[in-house]
C-alpha cells in the first residue's frame, strides 16, 4: 500500500530546475511556482500543480498539510549551508586569529557584499 502526502496552499514553491545536481552557474537556477500544491507518494514527488490546482488523486492522500500560503523549498542538507552566498571569506580567518573584529575586517575590505 502506498503512503501519500499532499501539501496544498503553497504561496510559493521554489525548487531547483531538473532532477539532478548541477554545477557552476546552473546551481543558481530555480523555479518559483505560485499558489502551488504537490503530491508525494512513498517519499517521491509524483506531481506538482500551480495556480490553485490540485494534483490528481489529492482527495485520497493519507496526510494533508495546509501550507497556509507559506514558502516551500527543499531543505538544506549540509549542516553549514547559508541561503545567501556573501562571497569568499578565506582571508578573514587569519585576521580573526590576530584579534581583528568583524568591523575591522569589513573596514579592511575583506568582506564582500552582494546587492
N, C-alpha and C. Protein backbone atom coordinates (compact mmCIF):
# COMPACT_ATOMS: atom_id res chain seq x y z
N UNK A 1 0.84 -1.18 0.00
CA UNK A 1 0.00 0.00 0.00
C UNK A 1 0.89 1.25 0.00
N UNK A 2 0.55 2.21 -0.82
CA UNK A 2 1.35 3.42 -0.95
C UNK A 2 0.95 4.46 0.09
N UNK A 3 1.96 5.18 0.59
CA UNK A 3 1.75 6.26 1.54
C UNK A 3 1.80 7.57 0.77
N UNK A 4 0.76 8.40 0.85
CA UNK A 4 0.71 9.64 0.08
C UNK A 4 0.60 10.85 1.00
N UNK A 5 1.27 11.91 0.58
CA UNK A 5 1.25 13.19 1.30
C UNK A 5 0.91 14.28 0.31
N UNK A 6 -0.05 15.11 0.66
CA UNK A 6 -0.42 16.26 -0.16
C UNK A 6 -0.03 17.52 0.62
N UNK A 7 0.71 18.40 -0.01
CA UNK A 7 0.98 19.73 0.55
C UNK A 7 0.27 20.71 -0.36
N UNK A 8 -0.70 21.43 0.21
CA UNK A 8 -1.53 22.34 -0.59
C UNK A 8 -1.43 23.76 -0.06
N UNK A 9 -1.99 24.69 -0.80
CA UNK A 9 -2.00 26.11 -0.43
C UNK A 9 -0.59 26.66 -0.20
N UNK A 10 0.33 26.28 -1.09
CA UNK A 10 1.70 26.77 -1.02
C UNK A 10 1.74 28.14 -1.69
N UNK A 11 2.14 29.16 -0.94
CA UNK A 11 2.21 30.51 -1.52
C UNK A 11 3.19 30.55 -2.68
N UNK A 12 4.42 30.12 -2.41
CA UNK A 12 5.44 30.00 -3.46
C UNK A 12 6.19 28.70 -3.23
N UNK A 13 6.27 27.89 -4.26
CA UNK A 13 7.08 26.68 -4.24
C UNK A 13 8.33 27.00 -5.04
N UNK A 14 9.46 27.05 -4.37
CA UNK A 14 10.73 27.36 -5.05
C UNK A 14 11.59 26.12 -5.03
N UNK A 15 12.05 25.70 -6.20
CA UNK A 15 12.81 24.47 -6.31
C UNK A 15 13.84 24.58 -7.43
N UNK A 16 14.96 23.88 -7.31
CA UNK A 16 15.94 23.88 -8.40
C UNK A 16 15.34 23.26 -9.66
N UNK A 17 15.90 23.59 -10.81
CA UNK A 17 15.43 23.01 -12.06
C UNK A 17 15.99 21.60 -12.21
N UNK A 18 15.28 20.77 -12.91
CA UNK A 18 15.75 19.42 -13.20
C UNK A 18 15.59 18.47 -12.03
N UNK A 19 16.14 17.28 -12.20
CA UNK A 19 16.01 16.25 -11.18
C UNK A 19 17.36 15.69 -10.75
N UNK A 20 18.42 16.50 -10.93
CA UNK A 20 19.76 16.06 -10.56
C UNK A 20 20.58 17.28 -10.14
N UNK A 21 21.72 17.03 -9.50
CA UNK A 21 22.59 18.11 -9.04
C UNK A 21 23.24 18.82 -10.21
N UNK A 22 23.40 20.13 -10.07
CA UNK A 22 24.04 20.94 -11.11
C UNK A 22 25.38 21.46 -10.61
N UNK A 23 26.20 21.92 -11.54
CA UNK A 23 27.49 22.51 -11.19
C UNK A 23 27.54 23.93 -11.74
N UNK A 24 28.41 24.74 -11.17
CA UNK A 24 28.62 26.10 -11.65
C UNK A 24 27.38 26.96 -11.54
N UNK A 25 27.20 27.84 -12.53
CA UNK A 25 26.09 28.79 -12.51
C UNK A 25 24.73 28.11 -12.51
N UNK A 26 24.65 26.91 -13.05
CA UNK A 26 23.37 26.18 -13.11
C UNK A 26 22.82 25.92 -11.70
N UNK A 27 23.71 25.92 -10.67
CA UNK A 27 23.25 25.68 -9.31
C UNK A 27 22.26 26.75 -8.85
N UNK A 28 22.37 27.95 -9.42
CA UNK A 28 21.51 29.06 -9.02
C UNK A 28 20.18 29.12 -9.75
N UNK A 29 19.98 28.24 -10.72
CA UNK A 29 18.73 28.26 -11.47
C UNK A 29 17.63 27.58 -10.66
N UNK A 30 16.50 28.23 -10.55
CA UNK A 30 15.38 27.65 -9.83
C UNK A 30 14.07 28.12 -10.42
N UNK A 31 13.02 27.45 -10.01
CA UNK A 31 11.66 27.74 -10.50
C UNK A 31 10.83 28.19 -9.30
N UNK A 32 10.01 29.20 -9.51
CA UNK A 32 9.08 29.66 -8.47
C UNK A 32 7.66 29.49 -8.99
N UNK A 33 6.90 28.64 -8.33
CA UNK A 33 5.51 28.40 -8.71
C UNK A 33 4.61 29.02 -7.66
N UNK A 34 3.61 29.77 -8.11
CA UNK A 34 2.69 30.45 -7.18
C UNK A 34 1.42 29.63 -6.98
N UNK A 35 0.89 29.72 -5.76
CA UNK A 35 -0.34 29.02 -5.38
C UNK A 35 -0.26 27.56 -5.81
N UNK A 36 0.74 26.86 -5.27
CA UNK A 36 1.06 25.51 -5.72
C UNK A 36 0.59 24.43 -4.75
N UNK A 37 0.67 23.20 -5.22
CA UNK A 37 0.39 22.01 -4.42
C UNK A 37 1.28 20.90 -4.96
N UNK A 38 1.66 19.99 -4.07
CA UNK A 38 2.43 18.85 -4.56
C UNK A 38 1.98 17.58 -3.87
N UNK A 39 2.07 16.49 -4.61
CA UNK A 39 1.67 15.18 -4.12
C UNK A 39 2.91 14.31 -4.07
N UNK A 40 3.16 13.73 -2.87
CA UNK A 40 4.32 12.87 -2.65
C UNK A 40 3.81 11.47 -2.37
N UNK A 41 4.40 10.50 -3.06
CA UNK A 41 3.99 9.11 -2.90
C UNK A 41 5.21 8.27 -2.52
N UNK A 42 5.16 7.67 -1.34
CA UNK A 42 6.28 6.88 -0.83
C UNK A 42 7.60 7.65 -0.89
N UNK A 43 7.54 8.93 -0.51
CA UNK A 43 8.74 9.76 -0.44
C UNK A 43 9.21 10.35 -1.75
N UNK A 44 8.48 10.12 -2.82
CA UNK A 44 8.86 10.63 -4.15
C UNK A 44 7.79 11.60 -4.63
N UNK A 45 8.23 12.78 -5.09
CA UNK A 45 7.28 13.76 -5.62
C UNK A 45 6.69 13.20 -6.91
N UNK A 46 5.38 13.05 -6.92
CA UNK A 46 4.69 12.48 -8.08
C UNK A 46 4.12 13.55 -9.00
N UNK A 47 3.63 14.65 -8.40
CA UNK A 47 3.01 15.68 -9.24
C UNK A 47 3.07 17.01 -8.52
N UNK A 48 3.31 18.05 -9.31
CA UNK A 48 3.30 19.43 -8.81
C UNK A 48 2.31 20.22 -9.65
N UNK A 49 1.45 20.97 -9.00
CA UNK A 49 0.49 21.82 -9.69
C UNK A 49 0.65 23.25 -9.21
N UNK A 50 0.16 24.19 -9.98
CA UNK A 50 0.19 25.59 -9.57
C UNK A 50 -1.14 26.25 -9.92
N UNK A 51 -1.22 27.54 -9.61
CA UNK A 51 -2.41 28.34 -9.89
C UNK A 51 -3.66 27.76 -9.23
N UNK A 52 -3.49 27.21 -8.01
CA UNK A 52 -4.63 26.72 -7.25
C UNK A 52 -5.14 25.34 -7.60
N UNK A 53 -4.54 24.70 -8.60
CA UNK A 53 -4.98 23.35 -8.99
C UNK A 53 -4.40 22.32 -8.02
N UNK A 54 -5.10 21.20 -7.86
CA UNK A 54 -4.63 20.11 -7.03
C UNK A 54 -4.23 18.92 -7.90
N UNK A 55 -3.21 18.18 -7.48
CA UNK A 55 -2.80 17.00 -8.25
C UNK A 55 -3.90 15.95 -8.31
N UNK A 56 -3.85 15.14 -9.34
CA UNK A 56 -4.80 14.03 -9.47
C UNK A 56 -4.61 13.07 -8.30
N UNK A 57 -5.68 12.69 -7.65
CA UNK A 57 -5.63 11.80 -6.50
C UNK A 57 -5.43 12.51 -5.17
N UNK A 58 -5.41 13.84 -5.19
CA UNK A 58 -5.19 14.62 -3.96
C UNK A 58 -6.24 14.31 -2.90
N UNK A 59 -7.47 14.04 -3.33
CA UNK A 59 -8.55 13.80 -2.37
C UNK A 59 -8.36 12.50 -1.59
N UNK A 60 -7.49 11.62 -2.07
CA UNK A 60 -7.25 10.34 -1.40
C UNK A 60 -5.93 10.31 -0.61
N UNK A 61 -5.28 11.45 -0.46
CA UNK A 61 -3.99 11.48 0.24
C UNK A 61 -4.14 11.03 1.69
N UNK A 62 -3.17 10.26 2.17
CA UNK A 62 -3.19 9.78 3.55
C UNK A 62 -2.98 10.94 4.53
N UNK A 63 -2.10 11.86 4.17
CA UNK A 63 -1.78 13.00 5.03
C UNK A 63 -1.88 14.26 4.20
N UNK A 64 -2.50 15.30 4.77
CA UNK A 64 -2.62 16.59 4.07
C UNK A 64 -2.02 17.67 4.96
N UNK A 65 -1.13 18.46 4.38
CA UNK A 65 -0.56 19.61 5.07
C UNK A 65 -1.01 20.86 4.34
N UNK A 66 -1.60 21.79 5.06
CA UNK A 66 -2.01 23.08 4.51
C UNK A 66 -0.87 24.06 4.80
N UNK A 67 -0.16 24.48 3.75
CA UNK A 67 0.98 25.39 3.92
C UNK A 67 0.55 26.81 4.25
N UNK A 68 -0.74 27.10 4.15
CA UNK A 68 -1.31 28.40 4.52
C UNK A 68 -0.60 29.58 3.84
N UNK A 69 -0.27 29.39 2.56
CA UNK A 69 0.32 30.48 1.78
C UNK A 69 1.80 30.71 2.00
N UNK A 70 2.45 29.82 2.71
CA UNK A 70 3.88 29.98 3.01
C UNK A 70 4.77 29.49 1.87
N UNK A 71 6.05 29.83 1.99
CA UNK A 71 7.07 29.36 1.05
C UNK A 71 7.41 27.90 1.36
N UNK A 72 7.54 27.09 0.33
CA UNK A 72 8.03 25.72 0.46
C UNK A 72 9.24 25.60 -0.46
N UNK A 73 10.35 25.12 0.10
CA UNK A 73 11.59 24.98 -0.66
C UNK A 73 12.34 23.76 -0.14
N UNK A 74 13.21 23.16 -0.95
CA UNK A 74 13.95 21.99 -0.46
C UNK A 74 14.77 22.33 0.78
N UNK A 75 14.94 21.36 1.65
CA UNK A 75 15.75 21.56 2.85
C UNK A 75 17.23 21.65 2.51
N UNK A 76 17.95 22.30 3.38
CA UNK A 76 19.40 22.37 3.23
C UNK A 76 19.99 21.20 4.00
N UNK A 77 20.70 20.33 3.31
CA UNK A 77 21.17 19.10 3.91
C UNK A 77 22.46 19.30 4.68
N UNK A 78 23.44 19.94 4.10
CA UNK A 78 24.73 20.13 4.74
C UNK A 78 24.57 21.09 5.91
N UNK A 79 25.10 20.76 7.06
CA UNK A 79 24.84 21.49 8.29
C UNK A 79 25.37 22.91 8.34
N UNK A 80 26.24 23.30 7.44
CA UNK A 80 26.79 24.66 7.48
C UNK A 80 26.52 25.38 6.16
N UNK A 81 25.34 25.24 5.63
CA UNK A 81 24.96 25.87 4.38
C UNK A 81 24.25 27.18 4.66
N UNK A 82 24.57 28.21 3.89
CA UNK A 82 23.93 29.51 4.00
C UNK A 82 23.01 29.70 2.81
N UNK A 83 21.85 30.29 3.05
CA UNK A 83 20.92 30.53 1.95
C UNK A 83 21.46 31.53 0.95
N UNK A 84 22.21 32.54 1.41
CA UNK A 84 22.72 33.58 0.54
C UNK A 84 24.24 33.51 0.55
N UNK A 85 24.85 33.46 -0.63
CA UNK A 85 26.30 33.45 -0.74
C UNK A 85 26.80 34.88 -0.63
N UNK A 86 27.61 35.16 0.37
CA UNK A 86 28.10 36.51 0.61
C UNK A 86 29.52 36.72 0.16
N UNK A 87 30.11 35.78 -0.53
CA UNK A 87 31.48 35.91 -1.01
C UNK A 87 32.42 35.00 -0.24
N UNK A 88 33.63 34.91 -0.74
CA UNK A 88 34.63 34.07 -0.11
C UNK A 88 35.19 34.76 1.12
N UNK A 89 35.48 33.99 2.17
CA UNK A 89 35.91 34.57 3.44
C UNK A 89 37.24 34.00 3.91
N UNK A 90 38.03 33.41 3.00
CA UNK A 90 39.25 32.75 3.41
C UNK A 90 40.28 33.69 4.02
N UNK A 91 40.26 34.98 3.69
CA UNK A 91 41.21 35.93 4.26
C UNK A 91 40.78 36.40 5.65
N UNK A 92 39.57 36.10 6.01
CA UNK A 92 39.03 36.54 7.29
C UNK A 92 39.63 35.78 8.48
N UNK A 93 39.89 34.49 8.32
CA UNK A 93 40.36 33.67 9.44
C UNK A 93 41.70 34.15 9.98
N UNK A 94 42.73 34.39 9.14
CA UNK A 94 43.99 34.89 9.70
C UNK A 94 43.81 36.22 10.44
N UNK A 95 42.93 37.07 9.94
CA UNK A 95 42.69 38.35 10.62
C UNK A 95 42.03 38.13 11.98
N UNK A 96 41.05 37.20 12.02
CA UNK A 96 40.39 36.88 13.30
C UNK A 96 41.39 36.31 14.30
N UNK A 97 42.32 35.46 13.81
CA UNK A 97 43.32 34.86 14.69
C UNK A 97 44.27 35.91 15.27
N UNK A 98 44.42 37.03 14.58
CA UNK A 98 45.27 38.12 15.06
C UNK A 98 44.48 39.11 15.91
N UNK A 99 43.17 38.80 16.17
CA UNK A 99 42.38 39.63 17.06
C UNK A 99 41.49 40.66 16.40
N UNK A 100 41.41 40.67 15.07
CA UNK A 100 40.57 41.65 14.38
C UNK A 100 39.09 41.39 14.67
N UNK A 101 38.31 42.45 14.79
CA UNK A 101 36.87 42.32 14.93
C UNK A 101 36.26 42.23 13.53
N UNK A 102 34.99 41.88 13.46
CA UNK A 102 34.33 41.83 12.15
C UNK A 102 34.26 43.23 11.53
N UNK A 103 34.15 44.26 12.36
CA UNK A 103 34.16 45.62 11.85
C UNK A 103 35.52 45.95 11.25
N UNK A 104 36.61 45.50 11.90
CA UNK A 104 37.96 45.69 11.35
C UNK A 104 38.09 45.01 9.99
N UNK A 105 37.57 43.79 9.90
CA UNK A 105 37.64 43.03 8.65
C UNK A 105 36.83 43.73 7.56
N UNK A 106 35.65 44.22 7.92
CA UNK A 106 34.82 44.95 6.95
C UNK A 106 35.54 46.19 6.46
N UNK A 107 36.12 46.95 7.38
CA UNK A 107 36.82 48.19 7.02
C UNK A 107 38.07 47.91 6.18
N UNK A 108 38.65 46.71 6.33
CA UNK A 108 39.83 46.34 5.54
C UNK A 108 39.44 45.88 4.14
N UNK A 109 38.13 45.80 3.87
CA UNK A 109 37.67 45.39 2.54
C UNK A 109 37.70 43.90 2.33
N UNK A 110 37.73 43.13 3.41
CA UNK A 110 37.81 41.68 3.28
C UNK A 110 36.45 41.01 3.23
N UNK A 111 35.38 41.75 3.42
CA UNK A 111 34.04 41.19 3.35
C UNK A 111 33.39 41.66 2.06
N UNK A 112 32.85 40.72 1.30
CA UNK A 112 32.24 41.04 0.02
C UNK A 112 30.73 40.98 0.16
N UNK A 113 30.04 42.00 -0.26
CA UNK A 113 28.59 42.07 -0.15
C UNK A 113 27.99 41.99 -1.53
N UNK A 114 26.94 41.21 -1.66
CA UNK A 114 26.21 41.09 -2.92
C UNK A 114 24.89 41.82 -2.75
N UNK A 115 24.62 42.76 -3.63
CA UNK A 115 23.37 43.54 -3.51
C UNK A 115 22.44 43.20 -4.63
